[in-house]
Amino acid sequence: MGLKSNYQYLKEWGINNRQNLTTGAFLALGFLIGLGIGLLVGTQKPSPIIIDKNVKVSLPGRQMEFSKNPEKTFNLLGSNFVASINGKAYYPKGCPSANVIKEENRVWFNSVQEAELQGYAPAKNCSW
């Protein structure tokens, strides 16, 4: 089968399937136009998420206290001592009472001094 016979075969096939080829071409063109419009419309960059570590949402009781005092910080990685932003006591990491504090209410401290500087006192129900 030579090059000329291949060309002749494709030409005949194209003539016989002209309707299908035209429909396919229009569908492909419509897809590309839609894709182009979608890319043009979707070029807006999302706005950045800003996290203020000094404000806890849905905790109105002490929220203002933390917002007004930037010295109080939230160490979200965890350390050796934990307290609740709703309480006044701090606990060592392994204390069973510390496990009762909801994750979203926890404030972590690296040392006893750090916890006491931020106004917390040692918990009386944990062994020190």
Protein backbone atom coordinates (compact mmCIF):
# COMPACT_ATOMS: atom_id res chain seq x y z
CA MET A 1 0.00 0.00 0.00
CA GLY A 2 1.62 3.17 -1.15
CA LEU A 3 1.35 6.76 -0.04
CA LYS A 4 -1.04 7.57 -2.87
CA SER A 5 -3.42 4.77 -1.91
CA ASN A 6 -3.36 5.88 1.74
CA TYR A 7 -4.22 9.41 0.71
CA GLN A 8 -7.01 8.16 -1.54
CA TYR A 9 -8.41 6.00 1.30
CA LEU A 10 -8.40 8.95 3.76
CA LYS A 11 -10.01 11.21 1.18
CA GLU A 12 -12.84 8.77 0.57
CA TRP A 13 -13.29 8.17 4.29
CA GLY A 14 -13.49 11.96 4.87
CA ILE A 15 -16.09 12.38 2.14
CA ASN A 16 -18.18 9.52 3.55
CA ASN A 17 -17.96 10.88 7.14
CA ARG A 18 -18.19 14.62 6.42
CA GLN A 19 -21.22 15.10 8.71
CA ASN A 20 -19.49 13.42 11.69
CA LEU A 21 -16.24 15.32 11.13
CA THR A 22 -18.08 18.66 10.99
CA THR A 23 -19.98 17.89 14.19
CA GLY A 24 -16.77 16.84 15.95
CA ALA A 25 -14.98 19.98 14.81
CA PHE A 26 -17.78 22.20 16.15
CA LEU A 27 -17.78 20.35 19.48
CA ALA A 28 -14.00 20.70 19.81
CA LEU A 29 -14.19 24.40 18.92
CA GLY A 30 -16.98 24.96 21.46
CA PHE A 31 -14.94 23.19 24.14
CA LEU A 32 -11.87 25.31 23.44
CA ILE A 33 -13.90 28.54 23.48
CA GLY A 34 -15.53 27.56 26.78
CA LEU A 35 -12.16 26.65 28.27
CA GLY A 36 -10.70 29.98 27.18
CA ILE A 37 -13.59 31.94 28.69
CA GLY A 38 -13.32 29.95 31.91
CA LEU A 39 -9.61 30.69 32.19
CA LEU A 40 -10.17 34.39 31.52
CA VAL A 41 -12.91 34.67 34.14
CA GLY A 42 -11.07 32.60 36.75
CA THR A 43 -7.84 34.64 36.83
CA GLN A 44 -8.74 36.44 40.06
CA LYS A 45 -6.42 35.54 42.92
CA PRO A 46 -8.08 34.41 46.15
CA SER A 47 -7.85 36.79 49.06
CA PRO A 48 -5.36 35.74 51.74
CA ILE A 49 -6.57 34.28 55.03
CA ILE A 50 -5.49 36.44 57.95
CA ILE A 51 -5.25 34.76 61.33
CA ASP A 52 -5.08 37.01 64.37
CA LYS A 53 -3.59 34.79 67.07
CA ASN A 54 -4.69 37.20 69.82
CA VAL A 55 -8.43 36.81 69.18
CA LYS A 56 -10.43 33.67 69.83
CA VAL A 57 -13.77 33.56 68.04
CA SER A 58 -16.94 32.53 69.90
CA LEU A 59 -15.43 33.10 73.32
CA PRO A 60 -16.91 36.48 74.28
CA GLY A 61 -16.14 36.14 78.00
CA ARG A 62 -12.37 36.61 77.64
CA GLN A 63 -12.05 37.59 73.99
CA MET A 64 -11.63 41.29 74.75
CA GLU A 65 -9.00 40.52 77.37
CA PHE A 66 -6.87 38.69 74.82
CA SER A 67 -7.50 41.27 72.10
CA LYS A 68 -6.41 44.23 74.26
CA ASN A 69 -3.33 42.52 75.65
CA PRO A 70 -0.93 41.50 72.86
CA GLU A 71 1.42 40.02 75.49
CA LYS A 72 -0.93 37.03 75.74
CA THR A 73 -0.07 34.71 72.90
CA PHE A 74 -1.28 31.36 71.70
CA ASN A 75 1.37 28.73 71.09
CA LEU A 76 -0.60 26.35 68.91
CA LEU A 77 2.20 23.84 68.51
CA GLY A 78 1.96 22.71 72.10
CA SER A 79 4.57 22.78 74.83
CA ASN A 80 4.92 21.62 78.42
CA PHE A 81 2.00 23.45 80.05
CA VAL A 82 -1.55 24.14 78.95
CA ALA A 83 -4.37 26.38 80.14
CA SER A 84 -7.84 27.31 78.97
CA ILE A 85 -8.49 30.84 77.79
CA ASN A 86 -11.66 30.62 79.86
CA GLY A 87 -9.82 29.65 83.06
CA LYS A 88 -7.18 31.00 85.38
CA ALA A 89 -5.13 27.83 86.05
CA TYR A 90 -2.43 26.08 84.03
CA TYR A 91 -1.73 22.36 83.96
CA PRO A 92 1.26 20.18 83.11
CA LYS A 93 0.89 18.49 79.74
CA GLY A 94 0.07 15.01 81.14
CA CYS A 95 -2.51 16.08 83.73
CA PRO A 96 -5.92 14.39 83.24
CA SER A 97 -7.68 17.70 83.91
CA ALA A 98 -5.77 19.28 81.02
CA ASN A 99 -7.27 16.73 78.63
CA VAL A 100 -10.75 18.07 79.41
CA ILE A 101 -9.93 21.47 77.85
CA LYS A 102 -11.32 21.75 74.33
CA GLU A 103 -8.64 22.00 71.67
CA GLU A 104 -9.88 25.38 70.43
CA ASN A 105 -9.68 26.81 73.97
CA ARG A 106 -6.13 25.68 74.75
CA VAL A 107 -3.24 28.05 75.34
CA TRP A 108 0.21 26.45 75.47
CA PHE A 109 3.23 27.61 77.46
CA ASN A 110 6.88 26.57 77.37
CA SER A 111 7.50 27.19 81.06
CA VAL A 112 5.86 27.87 84.41
CA GLN A 113 7.22 31.42 84.29
CA GLU A 114 5.60 32.07 80.92
CA ALA A 115 2.21 30.87 82.19
CA GLU A 116 2.43 32.92 85.37
CA LEU A 117 3.53 36.05 83.46
CA GLN A 118 0.31 35.78 81.48
CA GLY A 119 -1.83 35.66 84.64
CA TYR A 120 -2.31 31.93 85.18
CA ALA A 121 -1.79 30.10 88.48
CA PRO A 122 -0.85 26.42 88.98
CA ALA A 123 -3.83 24.05 89.05
CA LYS A 124 -4.53 22.56 92.46
CA ASN A 125 -5.92 19.27 91.16
CA CYS A 126 -2.72 18.12 89.40
CA SER A 127 0.31 16.71 91.15
CA TRP A 128 3.35 18.91 90.73
